[in-house]
Amino acid sequence: MTDTTTQATNDNSTTALPVKRRAYTIKEVCRDYDISAATIYRMRDRGLIRIIKIGGASRILDEDLVKLEKGVA
């Protein structure tokens, strides 16, 4: 049996690095931070985060979440 991991590293191919996400759905933020959607909208109303629309879908920017976590927002 051939080790495909070894083959992949020996054929000079590049490995794709994970892409850092720039925006998250409201549902994802609710799940990850264990908060309600109402809390997210209150944070938006207080200017702590922005909710943007991308093709009609609401997204929360990663940079806002980072600021919120650091207490900068």
C-alpha atoms as a PDB file:
ATOM      1  CA  MET A   1       0.000   0.000   0.000  1.00  0.00           C
ATOM      2  CA  THR A   2       1.319   3.450  -0.942  1.00  0.00           C
ATOM      3  CA  ASP A   3       1.238   6.356   1.490  1.00  0.00           C
ATOM      4  CA  THR A   4      -0.604   9.106  -0.388  1.00  0.00           C
ATOM      5  CA  THR A   5       0.505  11.737   2.129  1.00  0.00           C
ATOM      6  CA  THR A   6       4.134  11.111   1.235  1.00  0.00           C
ATOM      7  CA  GLN A   7       3.333  11.240  -2.474  1.00  0.00           C
ATOM      8  CA  ALA A   8       1.544  14.540  -2.118  1.00  0.00           C
ATOM      9  CA  THR A   9       4.501  16.132  -0.346  1.00  0.00           C
ATOM     10  CA  ASN A  10       7.088  14.736  -2.744  1.00  0.00           C
ATOM     11  CA  ASP A  11       5.513  15.890  -6.021  1.00  0.00           C
ATOM     12  CA  ASN A  12       6.252  19.608  -5.462  1.00  0.00           C
ATOM     13  CA  SER A  13       2.549  20.461  -5.149  1.00  0.00           C
ATOM     14  CA  THR A  14       1.541  23.277  -2.880  1.00  0.00           C
ATOM     15  CA  THR A  15      -0.809  22.823   0.023  1.00  0.00           C
ATOM     16  CA  ALA A  16      -3.601  25.352   0.308  1.00  0.00           C
ATOM     17  CA  LEU A  17      -3.625  27.294   3.547  1.00  0.00           C
ATOM     18  CA  PRO A  18      -6.920  27.782   5.327  1.00  0.00           C
ATOM     19  CA  VAL A  19      -8.627  31.052   4.469  1.00  0.00           C
ATOM     20  CA  LYS A  20      -9.548  33.279   7.384  1.00  0.00           C
ATOM     21  CA  ARG A  21     -13.231  34.045   7.255  1.00  0.00           C
ATOM     22  CA  ARG A  22     -14.082  37.729   7.085  1.00  0.00           C
ATOM     23  CA  ALA A  23     -17.781  37.537   7.971  1.00  0.00           C
ATOM     24  CA  TYR A  24     -20.162  35.218   9.804  1.00  0.00           C
ATOM     25  CA  THR A  25     -23.886  34.608   9.776  1.00  0.00           C
ATOM     26  CA  ILE A  26     -25.977  35.742  12.712  1.00  0.00           C
ATOM     27  CA  LYS A  27     -26.751  32.086  13.435  1.00  0.00           C
ATOM     28  CA  GLU A  28     -23.033  31.230  13.598  1.00  0.00           C
ATOM     29  CA  VAL A  29     -22.302  34.111  15.974  1.00  0.00           C
ATOM     30  CA  CYS A  30     -25.259  33.138  18.177  1.00  0.00           C
ATOM     31  CA  ARG A  31     -23.955  29.569  18.358  1.00  0.00           C
ATOM     32  CA  ASP A  32     -20.289  30.438  18.874  1.00  0.00           C
ATOM     33  CA  TYR A  33     -20.888  33.091  21.535  1.00  0.00           C
ATOM     34  CA  ASP A  34     -23.969  31.460  23.101  1.00  0.00           C
ATOM     35  CA  ILE A  35     -26.077  34.593  22.687  1.00  0.00           C
ATOM     36  CA  SER A  36     -29.452  35.300  21.096  1.00  0.00           C
ATOM     37  CA  ALA A  37     -30.147  37.096  17.856  1.00  0.00           C
ATOM     38  CA  ALA A  38     -31.840  39.809  19.923  1.00  0.00           C
ATOM     39  CA  THR A  39     -28.525  40.388  21.721  1.00  0.00           C
ATOM     40  CA  ILE A  40     -26.758  40.750  18.389  1.00  0.00           C
ATOM     41  CA  TYR A  41     -29.272  43.347  17.239  1.00  0.00           C
ATOM     42  CA  ARG A  42     -28.902  45.234  20.534  1.00  0.00           C
ATOM     43  CA  MET A  43     -25.116  45.262  20.042  1.00  0.00           C
ATOM     44  CA  ARG A  44     -25.686  46.614  16.521  1.00  0.00           C
ATOM     45  CA  ASP A  45     -28.022  49.303  17.827  1.00  0.00           C
ATOM     46  CA  ARG A  46     -25.370  50.339  20.379  1.00  0.00           C
ATOM     47  CA  GLY A  47     -22.752  50.563  17.624  1.00  0.00           C
ATOM     48  CA  LEU A  48     -20.678  47.640  18.914  1.00  0.00           C
ATOM     49  CA  ILE A  49     -20.953  45.573  15.729  1.00  0.00           C
ATOM     50  CA  ARG A  50     -22.069  46.113  12.161  1.00  0.00           C
ATOM     51  CA  ILE A  51     -24.424  43.847  10.276  1.00  0.00           C
ATOM     52  CA  ILE A  52     -23.827  44.038   6.548  1.00  0.00           C
ATOM     53  CA  LYS A  53     -25.748  42.548   3.651  1.00  0.00           C
ATOM     54  CA  ILE A  54     -24.016  40.358   1.094  1.00  0.00           C
ATOM     55  CA  GLY A  55     -26.387  39.338  -1.644  1.00  0.00           C
ATOM     56  CA  GLY A  56     -29.329  39.770   0.688  1.00  0.00           C
ATOM     57  CA  ALA A  57     -27.768  37.696   3.466  1.00  0.00           C
ATOM     58  CA  SER A  58     -26.866  39.322   6.785  1.00  0.00           C
ATOM     59  CA  ARG A  59     -23.264  38.970   7.916  1.00  0.00           C
ATOM     60  CA  ILE A  60     -21.253  40.171  10.905  1.00  0.00           C
ATOM     61  CA  LEU A  61     -17.686  41.188  10.173  1.00  0.00           C
ATOM     62  CA  ASP A  62     -14.876  39.291  11.869  1.00  0.00           C
ATOM     63  CA  GLU A  63     -13.056  42.542  12.624  1.00  0.00           C
ATOM     64  CA  ASP A  64     -16.029  43.708  14.719  1.00  0.00           C
ATOM     65  CA  LEU A  65     -16.076  40.456  16.677  1.00  0.00           C
ATOM     66  CA  VAL A  66     -12.333  40.733  17.340  1.00  0.00           C
ATOM     67  CA  LYS A  67     -12.766  44.310  18.628  1.00  0.00           C
ATOM     68  CA  LEU A  68     -15.659  43.191  20.804  1.00  0.00           C
ATOM     69  CA  GLU A  69     -13.582  40.353  22.277  1.00  0.00           C
ATOM     70  CA  LYS A  70     -10.698  42.730  22.996  1.00  0.00           C
ATOM     71  CA  GLY A  71     -13.023  45.257  24.618  1.00  0.00           C
ATOM     72  CA  VAL A  72     -12.188  47.907  22.018  1.00  0.00           C
ATOM     73  CA  ALA A  73     -15.734  48.197  20.654  1.00  0.00           C
END
